[in-house]
Structures are given as structure tokens and as C-alpha cells.
Amino acid sequence: MPEIGRYTLHEIETGRFGLDGGAMFGIVPKPLWEQELPADERNRITLAARCLLLEGRDRLILIDNGVGAPLSEKFADIYALDREHSELHRSLEAAGHDAGDVTDVILTHLHFDHCGGTTHRDENGDWQLTFEHADHHVQRKHWEWARTSNPKEQASFRSENLDPLADSGTVEFVDGREEILHGIEALPIYGHTEAQQMVKISDDDDTLVFVADLLPTTHHLRAAWMMAYDVRPMRTIEEKADFLDKAERADWSLFFEHDPDTAVADLQRTEHGVELAHPRSLEQG
């Protein structure tokens, strides 16, 4: 497994799900985006819910945790949930751990496809924390935003995920750009939702950035290819251009949460701008 600083890195695949292709690519015409990610008969494209586990000397850190268990059969049907080949707990087990070992959960933001695994139903049907021994790190401004909600995002912020977390006393607030834990830095952005945080893991030689929903797939590098879900689309364009320029100049690698085929890639500068280079799995280095 690859290492950065004191951490060994593991891909944690939590399952596949489907979202409307038009919503995922906004103003981009379907004949263009469907060449990259074909849609099913209900116009859904298949997406990964890929998380990142950092195994350190005395900490086990999970970045995001996927959709979680389906809330209902209707929910599973709408979002085409598929956990047959991968699932959060099975993937943790394959990495040699279970939920009780996790010391820290870093949440890029609180949409259900990123924090749905934070909670689960117990045998009585009550919602409980999945990572009961972990601190949960989230941007303070995003937490406040999510707890007041808004019409555009109200379906993405689920009380089943957030209420038990609020009651648990395990939320550790991150204020802007700061070090969350040793070698792990929050990079807040504001286009997709208020104060989403990308996560930068680095040492003297290497840097990997968990780009979350700034770049949900490798196909979102192009300026106008962005999600209709974004609350500030023009801000997304600006943030994406700034980040890609900085990441390419600094030789950072990117970790993609939702791309169904590619987990990690580098960047290269061409006559067309900053483009993808060396797409691969995390294990391929």
C-alpha cells in the first residue's frame, strides 16, 4: 500500500449508486457527457462512493464514509444502490480493521452520499453512530449551514445522519484552512456547498488531495462540466481553475470519490490547459 508521511493509505469502496446524468453535468448536453458515462433507462449514471483510510501510528482516519445503509426500499431504488461487490464494513475488514478501530472521521461535507455511513439503525430501529470511538471533523461554517438547510439542499442533508452526530458530542469543528491532524490539512471551498473541505495529505515528497465534490469525477476537470447541485456555480468555476493550476504546478496527485473507474490521477499542462494524467488505482501508486 502507498504511504505518505506517517500514514499508509487504503481505498475504501463503499458501494455504487446512481444519480441523474443531467444533474451531474449541468449545462453539458447529454450527447457529450453520455460518451463518458453512459446513462441507464432512467437517465442515471453509475458513480462510486470511494473513501480513503489513513492508517497511522496511533490513529486510524477515515475520509468520508459513503451513502450508508439504504433508508428504505424506495431510497435504494431511486439511487440504484449497489453494495453487492463492495460495502463500507467489508472494505474496512479487507484493510484489517473494523468501525470500532476508527479514531477520526473527516467529513468533506454532510450530503448523504458523503456522510451516510456515519450512522446506522440498531436492532430497535434507532439511529446510532457507526464510529462510536471517533471524533468527527467538519468545517464549522458547513455544519451551521447544514443544520439550517435550504430548499436546494434539503434532500441532501438527512436528519438520520446529522441528529445522532449532533447529540454525540464527537464533532470537532475545523475553521477554514488549517491542519486537522498531523500532515492533514483542510482546504475549504464554497461553490458546491458552503464550506466543503477538500483534504490534503502531504509529506516532504508527496501530496494527495481528496477532492470530494469540487471534482466528483475525472470528467469534471473541464470548466463548464459541473454539477447542477452546486449552490454557487460561478464560484465552482473559479475554484476549480485556481485549484487545478496550483495542483499541477505543485505536482499534487488527486483522489476521486465518485469516478467509477479512476481513483487517483496526476495532472499535466498542455496547449488545452490542465488535463488528466496517469489515471490509476491507489494501489498502483
C-alpha atoms as a PDB file:
ATOM      1  CA  MET A   1       0.000   0.000   0.000  1.00  0.00           C
ATOM      2  CA  PRO A   2       1.237   3.549  -0.714  1.00  0.00           C
ATOM      3  CA  GLU A   3       2.457   5.713   2.147  1.00  0.00           C
ATOM      4  CA  ILE A   4       2.568   9.462   2.719  1.00  0.00           C
ATOM      5  CA  GLY A   5       4.421  10.571   5.805  1.00  0.00           C
ATOM      6  CA  ARG A   6       3.297   8.534   8.792  1.00  0.00           C
ATOM      7  CA  TYR A   7       0.211   7.181   7.015  1.00  0.00           C
ATOM      8  CA  THR A   8      -0.455   4.048   4.993  1.00  0.00           C
ATOM      9  CA  LEU A   9      -3.291   4.696   2.541  1.00  0.00           C
ATOM     10  CA  HIS A  10      -6.174   2.358   1.690  1.00  0.00           C
ATOM     11  CA  GLU A  11      -9.010   2.760  -0.814  1.00  0.00           C
ATOM     12  CA  ILE A  12     -12.321   2.058   0.905  1.00  0.00           C
ATOM     13  CA  GLU A  13     -15.024   1.245  -1.632  1.00  0.00           C
ATOM     14  CA  THR A  14     -18.455   1.540  -0.015  1.00  0.00           C
ATOM     15  CA  GLY A  15     -20.642   0.616  -2.993  1.00  0.00           C
ATOM     16  CA  ARG A  16     -22.057   2.107  -6.164  1.00  0.00           C
ATOM     17  CA  PHE A  17     -25.055   4.368  -6.640  1.00  0.00           C
ATOM     18  CA  GLY A  18     -26.757   6.290  -9.422  1.00  0.00           C
ATOM     19  CA  LEU A  19     -27.538   9.962  -9.932  1.00  0.00           C
ATOM     20  CA  ASP A  20     -29.224  11.715 -12.823  1.00  0.00           C
ATOM     21  CA  GLY A  21     -26.633  12.377 -15.504  1.00  0.00           C
ATOM     22  CA  GLY A  22     -28.100  15.759 -16.332  1.00  0.00           C
ATOM     23  CA  ALA A  23     -27.824  16.839 -12.713  1.00  0.00           C
ATOM     24  CA  MET A  24     -24.229  15.609 -12.560  1.00  0.00           C
ATOM     25  CA  PHE A  25     -23.164  17.564 -15.656  1.00  0.00           C
ATOM     26  CA  GLY A  26     -25.415  20.633 -15.567  1.00  0.00           C
ATOM     27  CA  ILE A  27     -25.476  22.550 -18.843  1.00  0.00           C
ATOM     28  CA  VAL A  28     -23.386  19.994 -20.748  1.00  0.00           C
ATOM     29  CA  PRO A  29     -25.587  18.323 -23.419  1.00  0.00           C
ATOM     30  CA  LYS A  30     -26.333  14.648 -22.887  1.00  0.00           C
ATOM     31  CA  PRO A  31     -24.738  13.542 -26.201  1.00  0.00           C
ATOM     32  CA  LEU A  32     -21.429  14.828 -24.799  1.00  0.00           C
ATOM     33  CA  TRP A  33     -21.473  13.536 -21.232  1.00  0.00           C
ATOM     34  CA  GLU A  34     -23.006  10.190 -22.194  1.00  0.00           C
ATOM     35  CA  GLN A  35     -19.887   9.412 -24.223  1.00  0.00           C
ATOM     36  CA  GLU A  36     -18.006   9.436 -20.926  1.00  0.00           C
ATOM     37  CA  LEU A  37     -20.542   7.900 -18.533  1.00  0.00           C
ATOM     38  CA  PRO A  38     -23.498   6.123 -20.183  1.00  0.00           C
ATOM     39  CA  ALA A  39     -26.911   6.527 -18.578  1.00  0.00           C
ATOM     40  CA  ASP A  40     -29.426   3.811 -17.759  1.00  0.00           C
ATOM     41  CA  GLU A  41     -33.073   3.817 -18.823  1.00  0.00           C
ATOM     42  CA  ARG A  42     -33.849   6.299 -16.005  1.00  0.00           C
ATOM     43  CA  ASN A  43     -31.015   8.651 -17.027  1.00  0.00           C
ATOM     44  CA  ARG A  44     -28.830   7.666 -14.065  1.00  0.00           C
ATOM     45  CA  ILE A  45     -25.080   7.284 -14.306  1.00  0.00           C
ATOM     46  CA  THR A  46     -23.196   4.851 -12.084  1.00  0.00           C
ATOM     47  CA  LEU A  47     -20.942   6.501  -9.517  1.00  0.00           C
ATOM     48  CA  ALA A  48     -18.515   5.216  -6.920  1.00  0.00           C
ATOM     49  CA  ALA A  49     -18.665   6.103  -3.234  1.00  0.00           C
ATOM     50  CA  ARG A  50     -14.938   5.755  -2.674  1.00  0.00           C
ATOM     51  CA  CYS A  51     -13.433   6.790   0.652  1.00  0.00           C
ATOM     52  CA  LEU A  52      -9.877   6.955   1.944  1.00  0.00           C
ATOM     53  CA  LEU A  53      -8.456   5.290   5.053  1.00  0.00           C
ATOM     54  CA  LEU A  54      -5.247   6.614   6.610  1.00  0.00           C
ATOM     55  CA  GLU A  55      -3.527   4.162   8.919  1.00  0.00           C
ATOM     56  CA  GLY A  56      -1.087   5.934  11.259  1.00  0.00           C
ATOM     57  CA  ARG A  57       0.944   5.102  14.334  1.00  0.00           C
ATOM     58  CA  ASP A  58      -1.818   5.771  16.819  1.00  0.00           C
ATOM     59  CA  ARG A  59      -4.691   6.926  14.607  1.00  0.00           C
ATOM     60  CA  LEU A  60      -6.996   5.396  12.030  1.00  0.00           C
ATOM     61  CA  ILE A  61      -8.559   8.142   9.946  1.00  0.00           C
ATOM     62  CA  LEU A  62     -11.451   7.728   7.508  1.00  0.00           C
ATOM     63  CA  ILE A  63     -12.244  10.460   4.991  1.00  0.00           C
ATOM     64  CA  ASP A  64     -15.983  10.350   4.197  1.00  0.00           C
ATOM     65  CA  ASN A  65     -17.994   7.137   4.551  1.00  0.00           C
ATOM     66  CA  GLY A  66     -20.365   6.767   1.609  1.00  0.00           C
ATOM     67  CA  VAL A  67     -24.140   6.507   1.337  1.00  0.00           C
ATOM     68  CA  GLY A  68     -24.556   4.023   4.165  1.00  0.00           C
ATOM     69  CA  ALA A  69     -27.381   1.541   4.535  1.00  0.00           C
ATOM     70  CA  PRO A  70     -30.488   2.317   2.462  1.00  0.00           C
ATOM     71  CA  LEU A  71     -33.124   4.258   4.372  1.00  0.00           C
ATOM     72  CA  SER A  72     -35.900   2.371   2.574  1.00  0.00           C
ATOM     73  CA  GLU A  73     -36.555   0.245  -0.496  1.00  0.00           C
ATOM     74  CA  LYS A  74     -37.746   3.392  -2.269  1.00  0.00           C
ATOM     75  CA  PHE A  75     -34.484   5.180  -1.431  1.00  0.00           C
ATOM     76  CA  ALA A  76     -32.442   2.219  -2.670  1.00  0.00           C
ATOM     77  CA  ASP A  77     -34.444   2.144  -5.900  1.00  0.00           C
ATOM     78  CA  ILE A  78     -34.223   5.888  -6.596  1.00  0.00           C
ATOM     79  CA  TYR A  79     -30.460   5.938  -6.129  1.00  0.00           C
ATOM     80  CA  ALA A  80     -29.757   2.488  -7.620  1.00  0.00           C
ATOM     81  CA  LEU A  81     -27.791   1.459  -4.541  1.00  0.00           C
ATOM     82  CA  ASP A  82     -25.469  -1.466  -5.242  1.00  0.00           C
ATOM     83  CA  ARG A  83     -23.446  -2.918  -2.387  1.00  0.00           C
ATOM     84  CA  GLU A  84     -23.071  -6.411  -3.818  1.00  0.00           C
ATOM     85  CA  HIS A  85     -19.392  -6.078  -4.711  1.00  0.00           C
ATOM     86  CA  SER A  86     -18.257  -3.518  -2.129  1.00  0.00           C
ATOM     87  CA  GLU A  87     -19.546  -2.133   1.158  1.00  0.00           C
ATOM     88  CA  LEU A  88     -18.100   0.029   3.933  1.00  0.00           C
ATOM     89  CA  HIS A  89     -17.639  -2.603   6.626  1.00  0.00           C
ATOM     90  CA  ARG A  90     -16.367  -5.277   4.242  1.00  0.00           C
ATOM     91  CA  SER A  91     -13.823  -2.848   2.843  1.00  0.00           C
ATOM     92  CA  LEU A  92     -12.651  -1.863   6.324  1.00  0.00           C
ATOM     93  CA  GLU A  93     -12.293  -5.552   7.155  1.00  0.00           C
ATOM     94  CA  ALA A  94     -10.253  -6.118   3.989  1.00  0.00           C
ATOM     95  CA  ALA A  95      -7.918  -3.370   5.215  1.00  0.00           C
ATOM     96  CA  GLY A  96      -7.571  -5.188   8.541  1.00  0.00           C
ATOM     97  CA  HIS A  97      -9.891  -3.040  10.637  1.00  0.00           C
ATOM     98  CA  ASP A  98     -13.464  -2.526  11.770  1.00  0.00           C
ATOM     99  CA  ALA A  99     -15.552   0.539  12.621  1.00  0.00           C
ATOM    100  CA  GLY A 100     -14.537   0.401  16.267  1.00  0.00           C
ATOM    101  CA  ASP A 101     -10.892   0.950  15.335  1.00  0.00           C
ATOM    102  CA  VAL A 102     -11.502   4.295  13.618  1.00  0.00           C
ATOM    103  CA  THR A 103     -10.249   7.209  15.728  1.00  0.00           C
ATOM    104  CA  ASP A 104     -11.155  10.064  13.376  1.00  0.00           C
ATOM    105  CA  VAL A 105     -13.698  10.647  10.623  1.00  0.00           C
ATOM    106  CA  ILE A 106     -13.058  13.639   8.375  1.00  0.00           C
ATOM    107  CA  LEU A 107     -16.238  14.680   6.575  1.00  0.00           C
ATOM    108  CA  THR A 108     -15.723  16.745   3.437  1.00  0.00           C
ATOM    109  CA  HIS A 109     -19.347  17.821   3.741  1.00  0.00           C
ATOM    110  CA  LEU A 110     -22.631  16.488   5.027  1.00  0.00           C
ATOM    111  CA  HIS A 111     -24.526  15.440   1.900  1.00  0.00           C
ATOM    112  CA  PHE A 112     -25.824  11.903   2.382  1.00  0.00           C
ATOM    113  CA  ASP A 113     -23.554  10.333  -0.241  1.00  0.00           C
ATOM    114  CA  HIS A 114     -20.549  11.502   1.771  1.00  0.00           C
ATOM    115  CA  CYS A 115     -21.699  11.015   5.364  1.00  0.00           C
ATOM    116  CA  GLY A 116     -24.459   8.392   5.119  1.00  0.00           C
ATOM    117  CA  GLY A 117     -22.246   5.784   6.750  1.00  0.00           C
ATOM    118  CA  THR A 118     -21.847   7.976   9.847  1.00  0.00           C
ATOM    119  CA  THR A 119     -24.938   6.361  11.376  1.00  0.00           C
ATOM    120  CA  HIS A 120     -26.818   3.073  11.240  1.00  0.00           C
ATOM    121  CA  ARG A 121     -30.009   1.589  12.649  1.00  0.00           C
ATOM    122  CA  ASP A 122     -29.634  -0.636  15.699  1.00  0.00           C
ATOM    123  CA  GLU A 123     -31.748  -3.708  16.418  1.00  0.00           C
ATOM    124  CA  ASN A 124     -34.514  -1.471  17.790  1.00  0.00           C
ATOM    125  CA  GLY A 125     -34.587   0.682  14.682  1.00  0.00           C
ATOM    126  CA  ASP A 126     -32.903   3.644  16.384  1.00  0.00           C
ATOM    127  CA  TRP A 127     -30.123   5.582  14.673  1.00  0.00           C
ATOM    128  CA  GLN A 128     -26.681   5.219  16.266  1.00  0.00           C
ATOM    129  CA  LEU A 129     -23.165   6.377  15.451  1.00  0.00           C
ATOM    130  CA  THR A 130     -21.222   3.883  13.357  1.00  0.00           C
ATOM    131  CA  PHE A 131     -17.791   5.058  14.525  1.00  0.00           C
ATOM    132  CA  GLU A 132     -18.510   5.331  18.217  1.00  0.00           C
ATOM    133  CA  HIS A 133     -14.890   5.866  19.274  1.00  0.00           C
ATOM    134  CA  ALA A 134     -14.112   8.512  16.648  1.00  0.00           C
ATOM    135  CA  ASP A 135     -14.003  12.276  16.562  1.00  0.00           C
ATOM    136  CA  HIS A 136     -15.826  13.694  13.535  1.00  0.00           C
ATOM    137  CA  HIS A 137     -14.089  16.644  11.865  1.00  0.00           C
ATOM    138  CA  VAL A 138     -16.225  19.057   9.832  1.00  0.00           C
ATOM    139  CA  GLN A 139     -15.994  22.703   8.860  1.00  0.00           C
ATOM    140  CA  ARG A 140     -17.843  24.851  11.398  1.00  0.00           C
ATOM    141  CA  LYS A 141     -19.449  27.024   8.710  1.00  0.00           C
ATOM    142  CA  HIS A 142     -20.625  23.955   6.828  1.00  0.00           C
ATOM    143  CA  TRP A 143     -22.120  22.403   9.966  1.00  0.00           C
ATOM    144  CA  GLU A 144     -24.099  25.586  10.646  1.00  0.00           C
ATOM    145  CA  TRP A 145     -25.199  25.684   7.001  1.00  0.00           C
ATOM    146  CA  ALA A 146     -26.340  22.065   7.032  1.00  0.00           C
ATOM    147  CA  ARG A 147     -28.269  22.424  10.283  1.00  0.00           C
ATOM    148  CA  THR A 148     -30.331  25.308   8.888  1.00  0.00           C
ATOM    149  CA  SER A 149     -30.582  23.744   5.408  1.00  0.00           C
ATOM    150  CA  ASN A 150     -32.116  25.372   2.327  1.00  0.00           C
ATOM    151  CA  PRO A 151     -34.575  24.340  -0.397  1.00  0.00           C
ATOM    152  CA  LYS A 152     -31.836  23.366  -2.869  1.00  0.00           C
ATOM    153  CA  GLU A 153     -30.017  21.030  -0.479  1.00  0.00           C
ATOM    154  CA  GLN A 154     -32.700  19.885   1.950  1.00  0.00           C
ATOM    155  CA  ALA A 155     -32.896  16.414   0.382  1.00  0.00           C
ATOM    156  CA  SER A 156     -29.122  16.015   0.693  1.00  0.00           C
ATOM    157  CA  PHE A 157     -28.883  16.783   4.421  1.00  0.00           C
ATOM    158  CA  ARG A 158     -30.501  13.837   6.240  1.00  0.00           C
ATOM    159  CA  SER A 159     -31.616  14.114   9.850  1.00  0.00           C
ATOM    160  CA  GLU A 160     -30.863  10.394  10.272  1.00  0.00           C
ATOM    161  CA  ASN A 161     -27.193  11.214   9.744  1.00  0.00           C
ATOM    162  CA  LEU A 162     -26.937  14.607  11.420  1.00  0.00           C
ATOM    163  CA  ASP A 163     -29.105  14.403  14.556  1.00  0.00           C
ATOM    164  CA  PRO A 164     -27.231  11.485  16.182  1.00  0.00           C
ATOM    165  CA  LEU A 165     -23.962  13.192  15.309  1.00  0.00           C
ATOM    166  CA  ALA A 166     -25.121  16.455  16.878  1.00  0.00           C
ATOM    167  CA  ASP A 167     -26.163  14.633  20.053  1.00  0.00           C
ATOM    168  CA  SER A 168     -22.957  12.614  20.322  1.00  0.00           C
ATOM    169  CA  GLY A 169     -20.546  15.324  21.404  1.00  0.00           C
ATOM    170  CA  THR A 170     -17.951  13.974  18.954  1.00  0.00           C
ATOM    171  CA  VAL A 171     -17.992  16.825  16.426  1.00  0.00           C
ATOM    172  CA  GLU A 172     -14.665  18.652  16.155  1.00  0.00           C
ATOM    173  CA  PHE A 173     -15.007  21.890  14.219  1.00  0.00           C
ATOM    174  CA  VAL A 174     -12.473  22.978  11.623  1.00  0.00           C
ATOM    175  CA  ASP A 175     -12.230  26.708  10.964  1.00  0.00           C
ATOM    176  CA  GLY A 176     -11.155  27.427   7.426  1.00  0.00           C
ATOM    177  CA  ARG A 177      -7.811  26.300   6.105  1.00  0.00           C
ATOM    178  CA  GLU A 178      -5.968  24.624   8.948  1.00  0.00           C
ATOM    179  CA  GLU A 179      -4.227  21.413   9.915  1.00  0.00           C
ATOM    180  CA  ILE A 180      -6.774  18.859  11.086  1.00  0.00           C
ATOM    181  CA  LEU A 181      -4.246  16.255  12.198  1.00  0.00           C
ATOM    182  CA  HIS A 182      -0.520  15.848  11.593  1.00  0.00           C
ATOM    183  CA  GLY A 183       0.164  16.067   7.855  1.00  0.00           C
ATOM    184  CA  ILE A 184      -3.532  16.519   7.033  1.00  0.00           C
ATOM    185  CA  GLU A 185      -4.830  19.946   6.000  1.00  0.00           C
ATOM    186  CA  ALA A 186      -8.332  21.211   5.244  1.00  0.00           C
ATOM    187  CA  LEU A 187      -8.790  23.181   2.014  1.00  0.00           C
ATOM    188  CA  PRO A 188     -12.241  24.833   2.222  1.00  0.00           C
ATOM    189  CA  ILE A 189     -14.205  25.697  -0.928  1.00  0.00           C
ATOM    190  CA  TYR A 190     -17.622  27.269  -1.372  1.00  0.00           C
ATOM    191  CA  GLY A 191     -19.068  26.567  -4.827  1.00  0.00           C
ATOM    192  CA  HIS A 192     -20.677  23.155  -4.363  1.00  0.00           C
ATOM    193  CA  THR A 193     -21.963  23.911  -0.870  1.00  0.00           C
ATOM    194  CA  GLU A 194     -20.978  26.269   1.920  1.00  0.00           C
ATOM    195  CA  ALA A 195     -17.510  25.391   3.266  1.00  0.00           C
ATOM    196  CA  GLN A 196     -16.934  21.961   1.804  1.00  0.00           C
ATOM    197  CA  GLN A 197     -13.412  20.853   2.712  1.00  0.00           C
ATOM    198  CA  MET A 198     -11.017  19.069   0.424  1.00  0.00           C
ATOM    199  CA  VAL A 199      -8.394  17.126   2.367  1.00  0.00           C
ATOM    200  CA  LYS A 200      -4.673  17.435   1.616  1.00  0.00           C
ATOM    201  CA  ILE A 201      -2.333  14.694   2.857  1.00  0.00           C
ATOM    202  CA  SER A 202       1.329  15.505   2.433  1.00  0.00           C
ATOM    203  CA  ASP A 203       4.919  14.992   3.497  1.00  0.00           C
ATOM    204  CA  ASP A 204       8.189  16.426   2.178  1.00  0.00           C
ATOM    205  CA  ASP A 205       7.952  14.410  -1.037  1.00  0.00           C
ATOM    206  CA  ASP A 206       4.332  13.633  -1.904  1.00  0.00           C
ATOM    207  CA  THR A 207       0.887  15.208  -1.746  1.00  0.00           C
ATOM    208  CA  LEU A 208      -2.508  13.630  -2.341  1.00  0.00           C
ATOM    209  CA  VAL A 209      -5.674  15.739  -2.292  1.00  0.00           C
ATOM    210  CA  PHE A 210      -9.081  14.185  -1.654  1.00  0.00           C
ATOM    211  CA  VAL A 211     -11.014  16.484  -3.987  1.00  0.00           C
ATOM    212  CA  ALA A 212     -14.564  15.469  -2.952  1.00  0.00           C
ATOM    213  CA  ASP A 213     -17.229  17.302  -4.978  1.00  0.00           C
ATOM    214  CA  LEU A 214     -15.071  20.020  -6.480  1.00  0.00           C
ATOM    215  CA  LEU A 215     -14.140  17.289  -8.977  1.00  0.00           C
ATOM    216  CA  PRO A 216     -16.549  14.401  -8.384  1.00  0.00           C
ATOM    217  CA  THR A 217     -15.190  12.523 -11.416  1.00  0.00           C
ATOM    218  CA  THR A 218     -12.235  12.867 -13.763  1.00  0.00           C
ATOM    219  CA  HIS A 219     -14.678  14.194 -16.368  1.00  0.00           C
ATOM    220  CA  HIS A 220     -15.322  17.335 -14.312  1.00  0.00           C
ATOM    221  CA  LEU A 221     -11.906  18.907 -14.944  1.00  0.00           C
ATOM    222  CA  ARG A 222     -13.308  20.953 -17.836  1.00  0.00           C
ATOM    223  CA  ALA A 223     -14.543  24.388 -16.763  1.00  0.00           C
ATOM    224  CA  ALA A 224     -18.216  24.102 -17.736  1.00  0.00           C
ATOM    225  CA  TRP A 225     -18.583  20.459 -16.732  1.00  0.00           C
ATOM    226  CA  MET A 226     -20.070  20.931 -13.294  1.00  0.00           C
ATOM    227  CA  MET A 227     -22.994  19.695 -11.288  1.00  0.00           C
ATOM    228  CA  ALA A 228     -26.419  21.314 -11.237  1.00  0.00           C
ATOM    229  CA  TYR A 229     -26.307  20.586  -7.500  1.00  0.00           C
ATOM    230  CA  ASP A 230     -23.732  23.354  -6.936  1.00  0.00           C
ATOM    231  CA  VAL A 231     -25.151  26.261  -4.939  1.00  0.00           C
ATOM    232  CA  ARG A 232     -22.686  28.768  -6.444  1.00  0.00           C
ATOM    233  CA  PRO A 233     -21.757  27.514  -9.937  1.00  0.00           C
ATOM    234  CA  MET A 234     -19.644  30.516 -10.908  1.00  0.00           C
ATOM    235  CA  ARG A 235     -17.680  30.087  -7.692  1.00  0.00           C
ATOM    236  CA  THR A 236     -17.101  26.449  -8.643  1.00  0.00           C
ATOM    237  CA  ILE A 237     -15.611  27.524 -11.984  1.00  0.00           C
ATOM    238  CA  GLU A 238     -13.233  29.917 -10.231  1.00  0.00           C
ATOM    239  CA  GLU A 239     -12.270  27.442  -7.503  1.00  0.00           C
ATOM    240  CA  LYS A 240     -11.708  24.652  -9.994  1.00  0.00           C
ATOM    241  CA  ALA A 241      -9.448  26.758 -12.227  1.00  0.00           C
ATOM    242  CA  ASP A 242      -7.439  28.035  -9.275  1.00  0.00           C
ATOM    243  CA  PHE A 243      -7.056  24.602  -7.707  1.00  0.00           C
ATOM    244  CA  LEU A 244      -6.081  22.801 -10.916  1.00  0.00           C
ATOM    245  CA  ASP A 245      -3.450  25.419 -11.706  1.00  0.00           C
ATOM    246  CA  LYS A 246      -1.992  25.195  -8.206  1.00  0.00           C
ATOM    247  CA  ALA A 247      -2.146  21.392  -8.075  1.00  0.00           C
ATOM    248  CA  GLU A 248      -0.416  20.963 -11.435  1.00  0.00           C
ATOM    249  CA  ARG A 249       2.356  23.409 -10.543  1.00  0.00           C
ATOM    250  CA  ALA A 250       2.929  21.688  -7.200  1.00  0.00           C
ATOM    251  CA  ASP A 251       2.764  18.163  -8.694  1.00  0.00           C
ATOM    252  CA  TRP A 252      -0.082  17.064  -6.435  1.00  0.00           C
ATOM    253  CA  SER A 253      -1.992  13.840  -7.086  1.00  0.00           C
ATOM    254  CA  LEU A 254      -5.797  13.810  -6.835  1.00  0.00           C
ATOM    255  CA  PHE A 255      -8.107  11.243  -5.232  1.00  0.00           C
ATOM    256  CA  PHE A 256     -11.552  10.982  -6.855  1.00  0.00           C
ATOM    257  CA  GLU A 257     -14.521   9.959  -4.732  1.00  0.00           C
ATOM    258  CA  HIS A 258     -17.199   9.342  -7.354  1.00  0.00           C
ATOM    259  CA  ASP A 259     -15.393   8.362 -10.559  1.00  0.00           C
ATOM    260  CA  PRO A 260     -16.461   4.773 -11.307  1.00  0.00           C
ATOM    261  CA  ASP A 261     -13.174   3.868 -12.996  1.00  0.00           C
ATOM    262  CA  THR A 262     -10.372   6.048 -11.621  1.00  0.00           C
ATOM    263  CA  ALA A 263      -9.352   6.554  -8.001  1.00  0.00           C
ATOM    264  CA  VAL A 264      -6.147   8.565  -8.404  1.00  0.00           C
ATOM    265  CA  ALA A 265      -4.618  10.704 -11.140  1.00  0.00           C
ATOM    266  CA  ASP A 266      -1.957  13.315 -11.738  1.00  0.00           C
ATOM    267  CA  LEU A 267      -2.220  16.495 -13.796  1.00  0.00           C
ATOM    268  CA  GLN A 268      -0.320  17.782 -16.810  1.00  0.00           C
ATOM    269  CA  ARG A 269      -0.314  21.132 -18.580  1.00  0.00           C
ATOM    270  CA  THR A 270      -0.996  21.039 -22.331  1.00  0.00           C
ATOM    271  CA  GLU A 271      -1.921  23.543 -25.021  1.00  0.00           C
ATOM    272  CA  HIS A 272      -5.537  22.950 -23.969  1.00  0.00           C
ATOM    273  CA  GLY A 273      -4.902  23.726 -20.300  1.00  0.00           C
ATOM    274  CA  VAL A 274      -4.550  21.459 -17.286  1.00  0.00           C
ATOM    275  CA  GLU A 275      -5.547  17.886 -18.122  1.00  0.00           C
ATOM    276  CA  LEU A 276      -5.615  14.457 -16.514  1.00  0.00           C
ATOM    277  CA  ALA A 277      -2.507  12.267 -16.464  1.00  0.00           C
ATOM    278  CA  HIS A 278      -1.779   8.714 -15.301  1.00  0.00           C
ATOM    279  CA  PRO A 279      -5.241   7.614 -14.082  1.00  0.00           C
ATOM    280  CA  ARG A 280      -4.912   4.627 -11.785  1.00  0.00           C
ATOM    281  CA  SER A 281      -5.999   2.866  -8.623  1.00  0.00           C
ATOM    282  CA  LEU A 282      -4.465   3.902  -5.320  1.00  0.00           C
ATOM    283  CA  GLU A 283      -2.595   0.595  -5.104  1.00  0.00           C
ATOM    284  CA  GLN A 284      -0.832   1.334  -8.390  1.00  0.00           C
ATOM    285  CA  GLY A 285       0.985   4.179  -6.651  1.00  0.00           C
END
